[in-house]
Amino acid sequence: MTAGAKKHVGSWFDRFVKNGAKVSFGIYLDQTIGLTLLSYLLKFTHFPDWAYVALIPVGYAWY
């Protein structure tokens, strides 16, 4: 492989890794913020445990 080809592959791979890291961190922050808000909201509700389990699909649809 020539030096120019190695540089081209390296720059493409570098951009790929940087973009993947940004997306991954963004998803992490999004989930953390959403779950934190949900935990605060659930502190004010008084449902039995089975109701929380039944409401899991609603949480996924809302989020």
PDB file of N, CA and C in Angstrom:
ATOM      1  N   MET A   1       0.851  -1.174   0.000  1.00  0.00           N
ATOM      2  CA  MET A   1       0.000   0.000   0.000  1.00  0.00           C
ATOM      3  C   MET A   1       0.899   1.240   0.000  1.00  0.00           C
ATOM      4  N   THR A   2       0.541   2.204  -0.763  1.00  0.00           N
ATOM      5  CA  THR A   2       1.355   3.417  -0.853  1.00  0.00           C
ATOM      6  C   THR A   2       1.079   4.328   0.341  1.00  0.00           C
ATOM      7  N   ALA A   3       1.954   5.290   0.535  1.00  0.00           N
ATOM      8  CA  ALA A   3       1.813   6.222   1.654  1.00  0.00           C
ATOM      9  C   ALA A   3       0.537   7.056   1.523  1.00  0.00           C
ATOM     10  N   GLY A   4       0.191   7.446   0.303  1.00  0.00           N
ATOM     11  CA  GLY A   4      -1.026   8.232   0.083  1.00  0.00           C
ATOM     12  C   GLY A   4      -2.277   7.434   0.403  1.00  0.00           C
ATOM     13  N   ALA A   5      -2.274   6.150   0.045  1.00  0.00           N
ATOM     14  CA  ALA A   5      -3.423   5.295   0.332  1.00  0.00           C
ATOM     15  C   ALA A   5      -3.575   5.076   1.832  1.00  0.00           C
ATOM     16  N   LYS A   6      -2.457   4.900   2.528  1.00  0.00           N
ATOM     17  CA  LYS A   6      -2.518   4.725   3.978  1.00  0.00           C
ATOM     18  C   LYS A   6      -3.072   5.976   4.658  1.00  0.00           C
ATOM     19  N   LYS A   7      -2.655   7.145   4.153  1.00  0.00           N
ATOM     20  CA  LYS A   7      -3.144   8.392   4.736  1.00  0.00           C
ATOM     21  C   LYS A   7      -4.643   8.538   4.488  1.00  0.00           C
ATOM     22  N   HIS A   8      -5.111   8.148   3.288  1.00  0.00           N
ATOM     23  CA  HIS A   8      -6.531   8.245   2.959  1.00  0.00           C
ATOM     24  C   HIS A   8      -7.345   7.320   3.854  1.00  0.00           C
ATOM     25  N   VAL A   9      -6.907   6.088   4.031  1.00  0.00           N
ATOM     26  CA  VAL A   9      -7.614   5.141   4.889  1.00  0.00           C
ATOM     27  C   VAL A   9      -7.582   5.622   6.335  1.00  0.00           C
ATOM     28  N   GLY A  10      -6.450   6.135   6.766  1.00  0.00           N
ATOM     29  CA  GLY A  10      -6.324   6.627   8.141  1.00  0.00           C
ATOM     30  C   GLY A  10      -7.231   7.803   8.412  1.00  0.00           C
ATOM     31  N   SER A  11      -7.354   8.720   7.482  1.00  0.00           N
ATOM     32  CA  SER A  11      -8.197   9.891   7.706  1.00  0.00           C
ATOM     33  C   SER A  11      -9.677   9.489   7.715  1.00  0.00           C
ATOM     34  N   TRP A  12     -10.059   8.557   6.853  1.00  0.00           N
ATOM     35  CA  TRP A  12     -11.444   8.082   6.831  1.00  0.00           C
ATOM     36  C   TRP A  12     -11.775   7.371   8.136  1.00  0.00           C
ATOM     37  N   PHE A  13     -10.886   6.506   8.577  1.00  0.00           N
ATOM     38  CA  PHE A  13     -11.117   5.755   9.804  1.00  0.00           C
ATOM     39  C   PHE A  13     -11.131   6.686  11.019  1.00  0.00           C
ATOM     40  N   ASP A  14     -10.271   7.672  11.017  1.00  0.00           N
ATOM     41  CA  ASP A  14     -10.219   8.644  12.107  1.00  0.00           C
ATOM     42  C   ASP A  14     -11.536   9.407  12.215  1.00  0.00           C
ATOM     43  N   ARG A  15     -12.068   9.865  11.100  1.00  0.00           N
ATOM     44  CA  ARG A  15     -13.363  10.564  11.097  1.00  0.00           C
ATOM     45  C   ARG A  15     -14.473   9.632  11.572  1.00  0.00           C
ATOM     46  N   PHE A  16     -14.433   8.386  11.138  1.00  0.00           N
ATOM     47  CA  PHE A  16     -15.439   7.398  11.523  1.00  0.00           C
ATOM     48  C   PHE A  16     -15.443   7.198  13.044  1.00  0.00           C
ATOM     49  N   VAL A  17     -14.275   7.047  13.633  1.00  0.00           N
ATOM     50  CA  VAL A  17     -14.166   6.841  15.077  1.00  0.00           C
ATOM     51  C   VAL A  17     -14.610   8.088  15.834  1.00  0.00           C
ATOM     52  N   LYS A  18     -14.219   9.266  15.382  1.00  0.00           N
ATOM     53  CA  LYS A  18     -14.616  10.510  16.058  1.00  0.00           C
ATOM     54  C   LYS A  18     -16.126  10.704  16.023  1.00  0.00           C
ATOM     55  N   ASN A  19     -16.732  10.478  14.861  1.00  0.00           N
ATOM     56  CA  ASN A  19     -18.187  10.622  14.751  1.00  0.00           C
ATOM     57  C   ASN A  19     -18.906   9.581  15.599  1.00  0.00           C
ATOM     58  N   GLY A  20     -18.406   8.354  15.596  1.00  0.00           N
ATOM     59  CA  GLY A  20     -19.010   7.310  16.421  1.00  0.00           C
ATOM     60  C   GLY A  20     -18.945   7.639  17.896  1.00  0.00           C
ATOM     61  N   ALA A  21     -17.819   8.213  18.337  1.00  0.00           N
ATOM     62  CA  ALA A  21     -17.680   8.589  19.741  1.00  0.00           C
ATOM     63  C   ALA A  21     -18.653   9.708  20.106  1.00  0.00           C
ATOM     64  N   LYS A  22     -18.838  10.670  19.222  1.00  0.00           N
ATOM     65  CA  LYS A  22     -19.779  11.769  19.493  1.00  0.00           C
ATOM     66  C   LYS A  22     -21.204  11.250  19.587  1.00  0.00           C
ATOM     67  N   VAL A  23     -21.588  10.372  18.670  1.00  0.00           N
ATOM     68  CA  VAL A  23     -22.941   9.818  18.683  1.00  0.00           C
ATOM     69  C   VAL A  23     -23.151   8.978  19.938  1.00  0.00           C
ATOM     70  N   SER A  24     -22.180   8.163  20.276  1.00  0.00           N
ATOM     71  CA  SER A  24     -22.286   7.314  21.461  1.00  0.00           C
ATOM     72  C   SER A  24     -22.436   8.144  22.727  1.00  0.00           C
ATOM     73  N   PHE A  25     -21.650   9.193  22.864  1.00  0.00           N
ATOM     74  CA  PHE A  25     -21.744  10.046  24.046  1.00  0.00           C
ATOM     75  C   PHE A  25     -23.076  10.791  24.075  1.00  0.00           C
ATOM     76  N   GLY A  26     -23.562  11.217  22.922  1.00  0.00           N
ATOM     77  CA  GLY A  26     -24.864  11.882  22.855  1.00  0.00           C
ATOM     78  C   GLY A  26     -25.994  10.969  23.285  1.00  0.00           C
ATOM     79  N   ILE A  27     -25.938   9.711  22.866  1.00  0.00           N
ATOM     80  CA  ILE A  27     -26.960   8.742  23.280  1.00  0.00           C
ATOM     81  C   ILE A  27     -26.879   8.516  24.779  1.00  0.00           C
ATOM     82  N   TYR A  28     -25.671   8.404  25.298  1.00  0.00           N
ATOM     83  CA  TYR A  28     -25.484   8.221  26.740  1.00  0.00           C
ATOM     84  C   TYR A  28     -26.114   9.385  27.516  1.00  0.00           C
ATOM     85  N   LEU A  29     -25.841  10.620  27.093  1.00  0.00           N
ATOM     86  CA  LEU A  29     -26.403  11.786  27.789  1.00  0.00           C
ATOM     87  C   LEU A  29     -27.919  11.818  27.681  1.00  0.00           C
ATOM     88  N   ASP A  30     -28.432  11.497  26.510  1.00  0.00           N
ATOM     89  CA  ASP A  30     -29.870  11.516  26.293  1.00  0.00           C
ATOM     90  C   ASP A  30     -30.564  10.511  27.209  1.00  0.00           C
ATOM     91  N   GLN A  31     -30.016   9.312  27.299  1.00  0.00           N
ATOM     92  CA  GLN A  31     -30.615   8.294  28.163  1.00  0.00           C
ATOM     93  C   GLN A  31     -30.505   8.681  29.632  1.00  0.00           C
ATOM     94  N   THR A  32     -29.371   9.225  30.026  1.00  0.00           N
ATOM     95  CA  THR A  32     -29.176   9.587  31.422  1.00  0.00           C
ATOM     96  C   THR A  32     -30.152  10.682  31.844  1.00  0.00           C
ATOM     97  N   ILE A  33     -30.312  11.686  31.019  1.00  0.00           N
ATOM     98  CA  ILE A  33     -31.232  12.781  31.346  1.00  0.00           C
ATOM     99  C   ILE A  33     -32.666  12.270  31.403  1.00  0.00           C
ATOM    100  N   GLY A  34     -33.058  11.463  30.426  1.00  0.00           N
ATOM    101  CA  GLY A  34     -34.416  10.926  30.409  1.00  0.00           C
ATOM    102  C   GLY A  34     -34.709  10.032  31.596  1.00  0.00           C
ATOM    103  N   LEU A  35     -33.781   9.160  31.933  1.00  0.00           N
ATOM    104  CA  LEU A  35     -33.997   8.269  33.074  1.00  0.00           C
ATOM    105  C   LEU A  35     -34.005   9.035  34.398  1.00  0.00           C
ATOM    106  N   THR A  36     -33.215  10.072  34.502  1.00  0.00           N
ATOM    107  CA  THR A  36     -33.218  10.889  35.718  1.00  0.00           C
ATOM    108  C   THR A  36     -34.558  11.598  35.884  1.00  0.00           C
ATOM    109  N   LEU A  37     -35.063  12.177  34.809  1.00  0.00           N
ATOM    110  CA  LEU A  37     -36.376  12.836  34.879  1.00  0.00           C
ATOM    111  C   LEU A  37     -37.472  11.831  35.215  1.00  0.00           C
ATOM    112  N   LEU A  38     -37.395  10.655  34.615  1.00  0.00           N
ATOM    113  CA  LEU A  38     -38.398   9.628  34.885  1.00  0.00           C
ATOM    114  C   LEU A  38     -38.341   9.184  36.341  1.00  0.00           C
ATOM    115  N   SER A  39     -37.154   9.036  36.890  1.00  0.00           N
ATOM    116  CA  SER A  39     -37.056   8.617  38.298  1.00  0.00           C
ATOM    117  C   SER A  39     -37.650   9.673  39.227  1.00  0.00           C
ATOM    118  N   TYR A  40     -37.458  10.950  38.913  1.00  0.00           N
ATOM    119  CA  TYR A  40     -38.066  12.004  39.731  1.00  0.00           C
ATOM    120  C   TYR A  40     -39.592  11.989  39.620  1.00  0.00           C
ATOM    121  N   LEU A  41     -40.099  11.738  38.434  1.00  0.00           N
ATOM    122  CA  LEU A  41     -41.554  11.680  38.261  1.00  0.00           C
ATOM    123  C   LEU A  41     -42.158  10.486  38.984  1.00  0.00           C
ATOM    124  N   LEU A  42     -41.463   9.362  38.982  1.00  0.00           N
ATOM    125  CA  LEU A  42     -42.002   8.164  39.618  1.00  0.00           C
ATOM    126  C   LEU A  42     -42.020   8.270  41.133  1.00  0.00           C
ATOM    127  N   LYS A  43     -41.220   9.150  41.703  1.00  0.00           N
ATOM    128  CA  LYS A  43     -41.232   9.333  43.156  1.00  0.00           C
ATOM    129  C   LYS A  43     -42.562   9.912  43.631  1.00  0.00           C
ATOM    130  N   PHE A  44     -43.275  10.601  42.763  1.00  0.00           N
ATOM    131  CA  PHE A  44     -44.538  11.221  43.131  1.00  0.00           C
ATOM    132  C   PHE A  44     -45.745  10.331  42.867  1.00  0.00           C
ATOM    133  N   THR A  45     -45.534   9.151  42.306  1.00  0.00           N
ATOM    134  CA  THR A  45     -46.633   8.231  42.030  1.00  0.00           C
ATOM    135  C   THR A  45     -46.621   7.120  43.072  1.00  0.00           C
ATOM    136  N   HIS A  46     -47.789   6.531  43.284  1.00  0.00           N
ATOM    137  CA  HIS A  46     -47.913   5.467  44.279  1.00  0.00           C
ATOM    138  C   HIS A  46     -48.673   4.298  43.666  1.00  0.00           C
ATOM    139  N   PHE A  47     -48.071   3.676  42.668  1.00  0.00           N
ATOM    140  CA  PHE A  47     -48.654   2.504  42.034  1.00  0.00           C
ATOM    141  C   PHE A  47     -48.076   1.246  42.653  1.00  0.00           C
ATOM    142  N   PRO A  48     -48.804   0.134  42.577  1.00  0.00           N
ATOM    143  CA  PRO A  48     -48.201  -1.138  42.996  1.00  0.00           C
ATOM    144  C   PRO A  48     -47.112  -1.557  42.002  1.00  0.00           C
ATOM    145  N   ASP A  49     -46.262  -2.470  42.417  1.00  0.00           N
ATOM    146  CA  ASP A  49     -45.133  -2.884  41.578  1.00  0.00           C
ATOM    147  C   ASP A  49     -45.573  -3.427  40.228  1.00  0.00           C
ATOM    148  N   TRP A  50     -46.684  -4.172  40.180  1.00  0.00           N
ATOM    149  CA  TRP A  50     -47.121  -4.767  38.921  1.00  0.00           C
ATOM    150  C   TRP A  50     -47.528  -3.672  37.920  1.00  0.00           C
ATOM    151  N   ALA A  51     -48.007  -2.542  38.423  1.00  0.00           N
ATOM    152  CA  ALA A  51     -48.409  -1.445  37.534  1.00  0.00           C
ATOM    153  C   ALA A  51     -47.188  -0.808  36.881  1.00  0.00           C
ATOM    154  N   TYR A  52     -46.096  -0.699  37.627  1.00  0.00           N
ATOM    155  CA  TYR A  52     -44.875  -0.166  37.034  1.00  0.00           C
ATOM    156  C   TYR A  52     -44.375  -1.082  35.915  1.00  0.00           C
ATOM    157  N   VAL A  53     -44.435  -2.374  36.148  1.00  0.00           N
ATOM    158  CA  VAL A  53     -44.010  -3.330  35.117  1.00  0.00           C
ATOM    159  C   VAL A  53     -44.916  -3.226  33.895  1.00  0.00           C
ATOM    160  N   ALA A  54     -46.212  -3.078  34.122  1.00  0.00           N
ATOM    161  CA  ALA A  54     -47.154  -2.964  33.004  1.00  0.00           C
ATOM    162  C   ALA A  54     -46.952  -1.666  32.222  1.00  0.00           C
ATOM    163  N   LEU A  55     -46.428  -0.631  32.869  1.00  0.00           N
ATOM    164  CA  LEU A  55     -46.239   0.668  32.211  1.00  0.00           C
ATOM    165  C   LEU A  55     -44.899   0.798  31.487  1.00  0.00           C
ATOM    166  N   ILE A  56     -44.059  -0.216  31.528  1.00  0.00           N
ATOM    167  CA  ILE A  56     -42.771  -0.155  30.834  1.00  0.00           C
ATOM    168  C   ILE A  56     -42.946   0.133  29.336  1.00  0.00           C
ATOM    169  N   PRO A  57     -43.852  -0.555  28.617  1.00  0.00           N
ATOM    170  CA  PRO A  57     -44.020  -0.204  27.189  1.00  0.00           C
ATOM    171  C   PRO A  57     -44.467   1.229  26.962  1.00  0.00           C
ATOM    172  N   VAL A  58     -45.235   1.777  27.874  1.00  0.00           N
ATOM    173  CA  VAL A  58     -45.656   3.175  27.748  1.00  0.00           C
ATOM    174  C   VAL A  58     -44.451   4.105  27.863  1.00  0.00           C
ATOM    175  N   GLY A  59     -43.549   3.782  28.780  1.00  0.00           N
ATOM    176  CA  GLY A  59     -42.336   4.585  28.928  1.00  0.00           C
ATOM    177  C   GLY A  59     -41.479   4.559  27.684  1.00  0.00           C
ATOM    178  N   TYR A  60     -41.374   3.384  27.049  1.00  0.00           N
ATOM    179  CA  TYR A  60     -40.598   3.306  25.817  1.00  0.00           C
ATOM    180  C   TYR A  60     -41.258   4.082  24.682  1.00  0.00           C
ATOM    181  N   ALA A  61     -42.576   4.022  24.610  1.00  0.00           N
ATOM    182  CA  ALA A  61     -43.286   4.739  23.545  1.00  0.00           C
ATOM    183  C   ALA A  61     -43.190   6.237  23.754  1.00  0.00           C
ATOM    184  N   TRP A  62     -43.234   6.687  25.004  1.00  0.00           N
ATOM    185  CA  TRP A  62     -43.168   8.113  25.309  1.00  0.00           C
ATOM    186  C   TRP A  62     -41.775   8.654  25.079  1.00  0.00           C
ATOM    187  N   TYR A  63     -40.774   7.863  25.429  1.00  0.00           N
ATOM    188  CA  TYR A  63     -39.399   8.335  25.344  1.00  0.00           C
ATOM    189  C   TYR A  63     -38.915   8.201  23.939  1.00  0.00           C
TER     190      TYR A  63
END
